[in-house]
């Protein structure tokens, strides 16, 4: 029999975190290794807790969910981030996914939905609860996903011929983070090569004027 999946719950509302913990503890194939109240706590305890999945709120004090997602995946790429939020707008959902989250679940879902989401991301799938999926449909009707501000900045640097290392130094982020953003940019734009990124930047005026996109 395989080991239970290790789950950490990060939410600044104790009643929410404790309620989810009580539900998850009823499953034999899950073990809750910690309930924490903000992103900084889970970052500090990441190696000790060694979670397979982190249920992460977006709006928290000290370090918010998006920033925490980036840092967690940089330090422990094998961990799956499952955003658990009350925000159902496509902007929030797209932003979470572009930062590396494996799934997005709204807080008002039935309890079994959270278990279904954990199982899906542990199996290597992306998971959106039905409410999040409905919110994304209008956005998916667009030809392409919008780049985040950080991705736009990185596209500009890459289009100028800079290496991942040079971009990392310029923007004061890690090379691994640059590589992740680069992969997301290529996916969103449907471009597979660096030459293609440069061509896109030229065609869309990215390299003109003051360097702003």
C-alpha atoms as a PDB file:
ATOM      1  CA  UNK A   1       0.000   0.000   0.000  1.00  0.00           C
ATOM      2  CA  UNK A   2       1.362   3.426  -0.946  1.00  0.00           C
ATOM      3  CA  UNK A   3       2.035   6.125   1.614  1.00  0.00           C
ATOM      4  CA  UNK A   4      -0.764   8.670   2.199  1.00  0.00           C
ATOM      5  CA  UNK A   5      -0.421  11.962   0.329  1.00  0.00           C
ATOM      6  CA  UNK A   6       0.952  14.682   2.591  1.00  0.00           C
ATOM      7  CA  UNK A   7      -1.253  17.788   2.609  1.00  0.00           C
ATOM      8  CA  UNK A   8      -0.586  21.216   4.119  1.00  0.00           C
ATOM      9  CA  UNK A   9      -3.403  23.743   4.555  1.00  0.00           C
ATOM     10  CA  UNK A  10      -2.559  27.466   4.447  1.00  0.00           C
ATOM     11  CA  UNK A  11      -5.360  29.899   5.281  1.00  0.00           C
ATOM     12  CA  UNK A  12      -5.462  32.915   7.601  1.00  0.00           C
ATOM     13  CA  UNK A  13      -8.960  31.970   8.802  1.00  0.00           C
ATOM     14  CA  UNK A  14      -8.473  29.281  11.492  1.00  0.00           C
ATOM     15  CA  UNK A  15     -12.039  28.002  11.229  1.00  0.00           C
ATOM     16  CA  UNK A  16     -11.622  27.409   7.494  1.00  0.00           C
ATOM     17  CA  UNK A  17      -8.284  25.626   7.915  1.00  0.00           C
ATOM     18  CA  UNK A  18      -9.511  23.499  10.814  1.00  0.00           C
ATOM     19  CA  UNK A  19     -12.720  22.604   8.981  1.00  0.00           C
ATOM     20  CA  UNK A  20     -10.807  21.426   5.906  1.00  0.00           C
ATOM     21  CA  UNK A  21      -8.362  19.503   8.099  1.00  0.00           C
ATOM     22  CA  UNK A  22     -11.216  17.684   9.839  1.00  0.00           C
ATOM     23  CA  UNK A  23     -12.661  16.672   6.473  1.00  0.00           C
ATOM     24  CA  UNK A  24      -9.365  15.512   4.954  1.00  0.00           C
ATOM     25  CA  UNK A  25      -8.409  13.506   8.024  1.00  0.00           C
ATOM     26  CA  UNK A  26     -11.380  11.209   7.316  1.00  0.00           C
ATOM     27  CA  UNK A  27      -9.584   9.868   4.209  1.00  0.00           C
ATOM     28  CA  UNK A  28      -7.094   7.030   4.745  1.00  0.00           C
ATOM     29  CA  UNK A  29      -4.990   8.036   1.727  1.00  0.00           C
ATOM     30  CA  UNK A  30      -4.393  11.596   3.005  1.00  0.00           C
ATOM     31  CA  UNK A  31      -2.508  12.947   6.006  1.00  0.00           C
ATOM     32  CA  UNK A  32      -2.555  16.611   7.014  1.00  0.00           C
ATOM     33  CA  UNK A  33       1.009  17.549   7.946  1.00  0.00           C
ATOM     34  CA  UNK A  34       0.257  21.128   8.973  1.00  0.00           C
ATOM     35  CA  UNK A  35      -2.271  23.969   9.086  1.00  0.00           C
ATOM     36  CA  UNK A  36      -0.657  27.384   8.709  1.00  0.00           C
ATOM     37  CA  UNK A  37      -1.981  30.931   8.620  1.00  0.00           C
ATOM     38  CA  UNK A  38       0.137  32.633   5.937  1.00  0.00           C
ATOM     39  CA  UNK A  39       2.489  32.086   3.036  1.00  0.00           C
ATOM     40  CA  UNK A  40       5.629  32.902   4.994  1.00  0.00           C
ATOM     41  CA  UNK A  41       4.946  30.132   7.502  1.00  0.00           C
ATOM     42  CA  UNK A  42       4.642  27.446   4.852  1.00  0.00           C
ATOM     43  CA  UNK A  43       7.776  28.717   3.094  1.00  0.00           C
ATOM     44  CA  UNK A  44       9.718  28.577   6.374  1.00  0.00           C
ATOM     45  CA  UNK A  45       8.488  25.053   7.164  1.00  0.00           C
ATOM     46  CA  UNK A  46       8.525  23.679   3.626  1.00  0.00           C
ATOM     47  CA  UNK A  47      11.372  21.199   4.051  1.00  0.00           C
ATOM     48  CA  UNK A  48      10.175  20.053   7.483  1.00  0.00           C
ATOM     49  CA  UNK A  49       6.601  19.447   6.360  1.00  0.00           C
ATOM     50  CA  UNK A  50       7.581  18.039   2.932  1.00  0.00           C
ATOM     51  CA  UNK A  51       4.011  18.351   1.584  1.00  0.00           C
ATOM     52  CA  UNK A  52       2.913  16.638  -1.609  1.00  0.00           C
ATOM     53  CA  UNK A  53       0.019  19.087  -1.955  1.00  0.00           C
ATOM     54  CA  UNK A  54      -0.535  22.535  -0.452  1.00  0.00           C
ATOM     55  CA  UNK A  55      -4.051  23.970  -0.218  1.00  0.00           C
ATOM     56  CA  UNK A  56      -3.263  27.658  -0.438  1.00  0.00           C
ATOM     57  CA  UNK A  57      -5.445  30.720   0.081  1.00  0.00           C
ATOM     58  CA  UNK A  58      -4.718  33.752  -2.122  1.00  0.00           C
ATOM     59  CA  UNK A  59      -5.278  36.724   0.183  1.00  0.00           C
ATOM     60  CA  UNK A  60      -3.102  36.361   3.268  1.00  0.00           C
ATOM     61  CA  UNK A  61      -0.926  38.639   5.414  1.00  0.00           C
ATOM     62  CA  UNK A  62       2.884  38.793   5.033  1.00  0.00           C
ATOM     63  CA  UNK A  63       3.200  36.677   1.871  1.00  0.00           C
ATOM     64  CA  UNK A  64       0.181  36.244  -0.404  1.00  0.00           C
ATOM     65  CA  UNK A  65      -0.741  33.072  -2.234  1.00  0.00           C
ATOM     66  CA  UNK A  66       0.715  34.003  -5.631  1.00  0.00           C
ATOM     67  CA  UNK A  67       4.107  34.994  -4.240  1.00  0.00           C
ATOM     68  CA  UNK A  68       4.129  31.928  -2.004  1.00  0.00           C
ATOM     69  CA  UNK A  69       3.347  29.711  -5.006  1.00  0.00           C
ATOM     70  CA  UNK A  70       6.366  30.992  -6.933  1.00  0.00           C
ATOM     71  CA  UNK A  71       8.737  30.597  -3.984  1.00  0.00           C
ATOM     72  CA  UNK A  72       7.431  27.138  -3.029  1.00  0.00           C
ATOM     73  CA  UNK A  73       7.754  25.795  -6.574  1.00  0.00           C
ATOM     74  CA  UNK A  74      11.218  27.266  -6.901  1.00  0.00           C
ATOM     75  CA  UNK A  75      12.374  25.503  -3.724  1.00  0.00           C
ATOM     76  CA  UNK A  76      10.315  22.325  -4.018  1.00  0.00           C
ATOM     77  CA  UNK A  77       9.128  21.842  -7.626  1.00  0.00           C
ATOM     78  CA  UNK A  78       7.525  18.463  -6.936  1.00  0.00           C
ATOM     79  CA  UNK A  79       4.946  19.998  -4.580  1.00  0.00           C
ATOM     80  CA  UNK A  80       1.506  20.570  -6.111  1.00  0.00           C
ATOM     81  CA  UNK A  81      -0.178  23.890  -5.312  1.00  0.00           C
ATOM     82  CA  UNK A  82      -3.964  23.855  -5.133  1.00  0.00           C
ATOM     83  CA  UNK A  83      -5.431  27.338  -4.729  1.00  0.00           C
ATOM     84  CA  UNK A  84      -8.457  27.430  -2.444  1.00  0.00           C
ATOM     85  CA  UNK A  85     -10.136  30.812  -2.818  1.00  0.00           C
ATOM     86  CA  UNK A  86     -13.450  32.661  -2.674  1.00  0.00           C
ATOM     87  CA  UNK A  87     -12.495  34.673  -5.800  1.00  0.00           C
ATOM     88  CA  UNK A  88     -14.081  33.275  -8.959  1.00  0.00           C
ATOM     89  CA  UNK A  89     -12.970  35.879 -11.522  1.00  0.00           C
ATOM     90  CA  UNK A  90     -10.969  34.707 -14.535  1.00  0.00           C
ATOM     91  CA  UNK A  91      -8.201  37.201 -13.656  1.00  0.00           C
ATOM     92  CA  UNK A  92      -7.574  35.517 -10.307  1.00  0.00           C
ATOM     93  CA  UNK A  93      -7.747  32.022 -11.795  1.00  0.00           C
ATOM     94  CA  UNK A  94      -5.491  32.777 -14.766  1.00  0.00           C
ATOM     95  CA  UNK A  95      -2.996  34.530 -12.521  1.00  0.00           C
ATOM     96  CA  UNK A  96      -2.851  31.551 -10.144  1.00  0.00           C
ATOM     97  CA  UNK A  97      -2.340  29.091 -13.005  1.00  0.00           C
ATOM     98  CA  UNK A  98       0.300  31.260 -14.659  1.00  0.00           C
ATOM     99  CA  UNK A  99       2.216  31.367 -11.379  1.00  0.00           C
ATOM    100  CA  UNK A 100       2.377  27.572 -11.404  1.00  0.00           C
ATOM    101  CA  UNK A 101      -0.670  26.440  -9.424  1.00  0.00           C
ATOM    102  CA  UNK A 102      -1.849  22.954 -10.420  1.00  0.00           C
ATOM    103  CA  UNK A 103      -5.470  23.680  -9.637  1.00  0.00           C
ATOM    104  CA  UNK A 104      -8.059  26.169  -8.428  1.00  0.00           C
ATOM    105  CA  UNK A 105     -10.995  25.368  -6.150  1.00  0.00           C
ATOM    106  CA  UNK A 106     -13.601  27.768  -4.810  1.00  0.00           C
ATOM    107  CA  UNK A 107     -14.213  27.716  -1.053  1.00  0.00           C
ATOM    108  CA  UNK A 108     -17.936  27.087  -1.391  1.00  0.00           C
ATOM    109  CA  UNK A 109     -17.524  23.687  -3.110  1.00  0.00           C
ATOM    110  CA  UNK A 110     -18.809  20.471  -1.523  1.00  0.00           C
ATOM    111  CA  UNK A 111     -16.199  18.753   0.643  1.00  0.00           C
ATOM    112  CA  UNK A 112     -15.710  15.847  -1.760  1.00  0.00           C
ATOM    113  CA  UNK A 113     -14.683  18.360  -4.435  1.00  0.00           C
ATOM    114  CA  UNK A 114     -11.533  19.192  -2.471  1.00  0.00           C
ATOM    115  CA  UNK A 115     -10.627  15.499  -2.293  1.00  0.00           C
ATOM    116  CA  UNK A 116     -11.283  15.143  -6.027  1.00  0.00           C
ATOM    117  CA  UNK A 117      -8.983  18.109  -6.687  1.00  0.00           C
ATOM    118  CA  UNK A 118      -6.179  16.669  -4.551  1.00  0.00           C
ATOM    119  CA  UNK A 119      -6.414  13.310  -6.329  1.00  0.00           C
ATOM    120  CA  UNK A 120      -6.309  15.027  -9.728  1.00  0.00           C
ATOM    121  CA  UNK A 121      -3.217  17.149  -9.071  1.00  0.00           C
ATOM    122  CA  UNK A 122      -1.454  14.195  -7.424  1.00  0.00           C
ATOM    123  CA  UNK A 123      -2.072  12.311 -10.680  1.00  0.00           C
ATOM    124  CA  UNK A 124      -0.329  15.112 -12.575  1.00  0.00           C
ATOM    125  CA  UNK A 125      -3.493  16.740 -13.915  1.00  0.00           C
ATOM    126  CA  UNK A 126      -4.622  20.341 -13.762  1.00  0.00           C
ATOM    127  CA  UNK A 127      -7.869  20.740 -11.822  1.00  0.00           C
ATOM    128  CA  UNK A 128     -10.487  23.486 -11.937  1.00  0.00           C
ATOM    129  CA  UNK A 129     -13.680  23.121  -9.931  1.00  0.00           C
ATOM    130  CA  UNK A 130     -16.848  23.615 -12.024  1.00  0.00           C
ATOM    131  CA  UNK A 131     -17.320  27.211 -10.809  1.00  0.00           C
ATOM    132  CA  UNK A 132     -13.747  28.171 -11.724  1.00  0.00           C
ATOM    133  CA  UNK A 133     -14.037  26.416 -15.056  1.00  0.00           C
ATOM    134  CA  UNK A 134     -17.225  28.363 -15.903  1.00  0.00           C
ATOM    135  CA  UNK A 135     -15.491  31.642 -15.040  1.00  0.00           C
ATOM    136  CA  UNK A 136     -12.631  30.827 -17.389  1.00  0.00           C
ATOM    137  CA  UNK A 137     -14.757  29.962 -20.417  1.00  0.00           C
ATOM    138  CA  UNK A 138     -15.253  33.581 -21.598  1.00  0.00           C
ATOM    139  CA  UNK A 139     -11.514  34.197 -21.206  1.00  0.00           C
ATOM    140  CA  UNK A 140     -10.680  31.029 -23.138  1.00  0.00           C
ATOM    141  CA  UNK A 141     -12.746  32.322 -26.032  1.00  0.00           C
ATOM    142  CA  UNK A 142      -9.943  34.811 -26.666  1.00  0.00           C
ATOM    143  CA  UNK A 143      -7.297  33.687 -29.112  1.00  0.00           C
ATOM    144  CA  UNK A 144      -4.543  33.904 -26.520  1.00  0.00           C
ATOM    145  CA  UNK A 145      -4.141  34.197 -22.779  1.00  0.00           C
ATOM    146  CA  UNK A 146      -2.893  37.571 -21.589  1.00  0.00           C
ATOM    147  CA  UNK A 147       0.693  37.773 -20.368  1.00  0.00           C
ATOM    148  CA  UNK A 148       1.174  38.913 -16.771  1.00  0.00           C
ATOM    149  CA  UNK A 149       3.223  42.072 -16.141  1.00  0.00           C
ATOM    150  CA  UNK A 150       6.186  39.943 -15.075  1.00  0.00           C
ATOM    151  CA  UNK A 151       5.922  37.821 -18.223  1.00  0.00           C
ATOM    152  CA  UNK A 152       5.808  40.970 -20.344  1.00  0.00           C
ATOM    153  CA  UNK A 153       8.992  42.201 -18.662  1.00  0.00           C
ATOM    154  CA  UNK A 154      10.723  38.882 -19.279  1.00  0.00           C
ATOM    155  CA  UNK A 155       9.577  38.772 -22.921  1.00  0.00           C
ATOM    156  CA  UNK A 156      11.139  42.197 -23.436  1.00  0.00           C
ATOM    157  CA  UNK A 157      14.448  41.003 -21.961  1.00  0.00           C
ATOM    158  CA  UNK A 158      14.451  37.783 -23.985  1.00  0.00           C
ATOM    159  CA  UNK A 159      13.591  39.639 -27.187  1.00  0.00           C
ATOM    160  CA  UNK A 160      16.696  41.770 -26.609  1.00  0.00           C
ATOM    161  CA  UNK A 161      18.736  38.568 -26.818  1.00  0.00           C
ATOM    162  CA  UNK A 162      19.488  38.177 -23.116  1.00  0.00           C
ATOM    163  CA  UNK A 163      20.080  34.745 -21.601  1.00  0.00           C
ATOM    164  CA  UNK A 164      18.021  33.323 -18.743  1.00  0.00           C
ATOM    165  CA  UNK A 165      20.873  34.143 -16.365  1.00  0.00           C
ATOM    166  CA  UNK A 166      21.099  37.744 -17.588  1.00  0.00           C
ATOM    167  CA  UNK A 167      17.333  38.174 -17.237  1.00  0.00           C
ATOM    168  CA  UNK A 168      17.458  36.739 -13.717  1.00  0.00           C
ATOM    169  CA  UNK A 169      20.158  39.240 -12.723  1.00  0.00           C
ATOM    170  CA  UNK A 170      18.318  42.143 -14.347  1.00  0.00           C
ATOM    171  CA  UNK A 171      15.012  41.382 -12.607  1.00  0.00           C
ATOM    172  CA  UNK A 172      16.522  40.046  -9.360  1.00  0.00           C
ATOM    173  CA  UNK A 173      14.838  36.639  -9.591  1.00  0.00           C
ATOM    174  CA  UNK A 174      16.200  33.106  -9.873  1.00  0.00           C
ATOM    175  CA  UNK A 175      17.139  31.448 -13.168  1.00  0.00           C
ATOM    176  CA  UNK A 176      14.584  28.728 -12.417  1.00  0.00           C
ATOM    177  CA  UNK A 177      11.840  31.359 -12.132  1.00  0.00           C
ATOM    178  CA  UNK A 178      12.882  32.859 -15.474  1.00  0.00           C
ATOM    179  CA  UNK A 179      12.730  29.397 -17.063  1.00  0.00           C
ATOM    180  CA  UNK A 180       9.214  28.849 -15.669  1.00  0.00           C
ATOM    181  CA  UNK A 181       8.007  32.228 -16.966  1.00  0.00           C
ATOM    182  CA  UNK A 182       9.671  31.568 -20.328  1.00  0.00           C
ATOM    183  CA  UNK A 183       7.807  28.265 -20.628  1.00  0.00           C
ATOM    184  CA  UNK A 184       4.498  29.980 -19.732  1.00  0.00           C
ATOM    185  CA  UNK A 185       5.119  32.764 -22.262  1.00  0.00           C
ATOM    186  CA  UNK A 186       5.755  30.238 -25.039  1.00  0.00           C
ATOM    187  CA  UNK A 187       2.642  28.273 -24.083  1.00  0.00           C
ATOM    188  CA  UNK A 188       0.404  31.359 -23.966  1.00  0.00           C
ATOM    189  CA  UNK A 189       1.674  32.734 -27.259  1.00  0.00           C
ATOM    190  CA  UNK A 190       1.809  29.344 -28.977  1.00  0.00           C
ATOM    191  CA  UNK A 191       5.498  29.860 -29.779  1.00  0.00           C
ATOM    192  CA  UNK A 192       8.073  27.079 -29.444  1.00  0.00           C
ATOM    193  CA  UNK A 193      11.395  28.834 -30.093  1.00  0.00           C
ATOM    194  CA  UNK A 194      13.358  31.838 -28.862  1.00  0.00           C
ATOM    195  CA  UNK A 195      13.534  33.113 -32.439  1.00  0.00           C
ATOM    196  CA  UNK A 196       9.740  32.980 -32.499  1.00  0.00           C
ATOM    197  CA  UNK A 197       9.574  35.060 -29.312  1.00  0.00           C
ATOM    198  CA  UNK A 198      11.869  37.661 -30.861  1.00  0.00           C
ATOM    199  CA  UNK A 199       9.770  37.742 -34.029  1.00  0.00           C
ATOM    200  CA  UNK A 200       6.587  38.136 -31.969  1.00  0.00           C
ATOM    201  CA  UNK A 201       8.199  40.998 -30.022  1.00  0.00           C
ATOM    202  CA  UNK A 202       9.184  42.772 -33.250  1.00  0.00           C
ATOM    203  CA  UNK A 203       5.782  42.289 -34.881  1.00  0.00           C
ATOM    204  CA  UNK A 204       3.908  43.545 -31.815  1.00  0.00           C
ATOM    205  CA  UNK A 205       6.114  46.541 -31.080  1.00  0.00           C
ATOM    206  CA  UNK A 206       7.587  45.144 -27.861  1.00  0.00           C
ATOM    207  CA  UNK A 207      11.062  46.443 -28.704  1.00  0.00           C
ATOM    208  CA  UNK A 208       9.958  49.927 -29.772  1.00  0.00           C
ATOM    209  CA  UNK A 209       9.957  53.189 -27.835  1.00  0.00           C
ATOM    210  CA  UNK A 210      10.867  53.126 -24.167  1.00  0.00           C
ATOM    211  CA  UNK A 211      10.914  49.372 -23.848  1.00  0.00           C
ATOM    212  CA  UNK A 212       7.446  49.174 -22.309  1.00  0.00           C
ATOM    213  CA  UNK A 213       5.077  46.572 -23.661  1.00  0.00           C
END
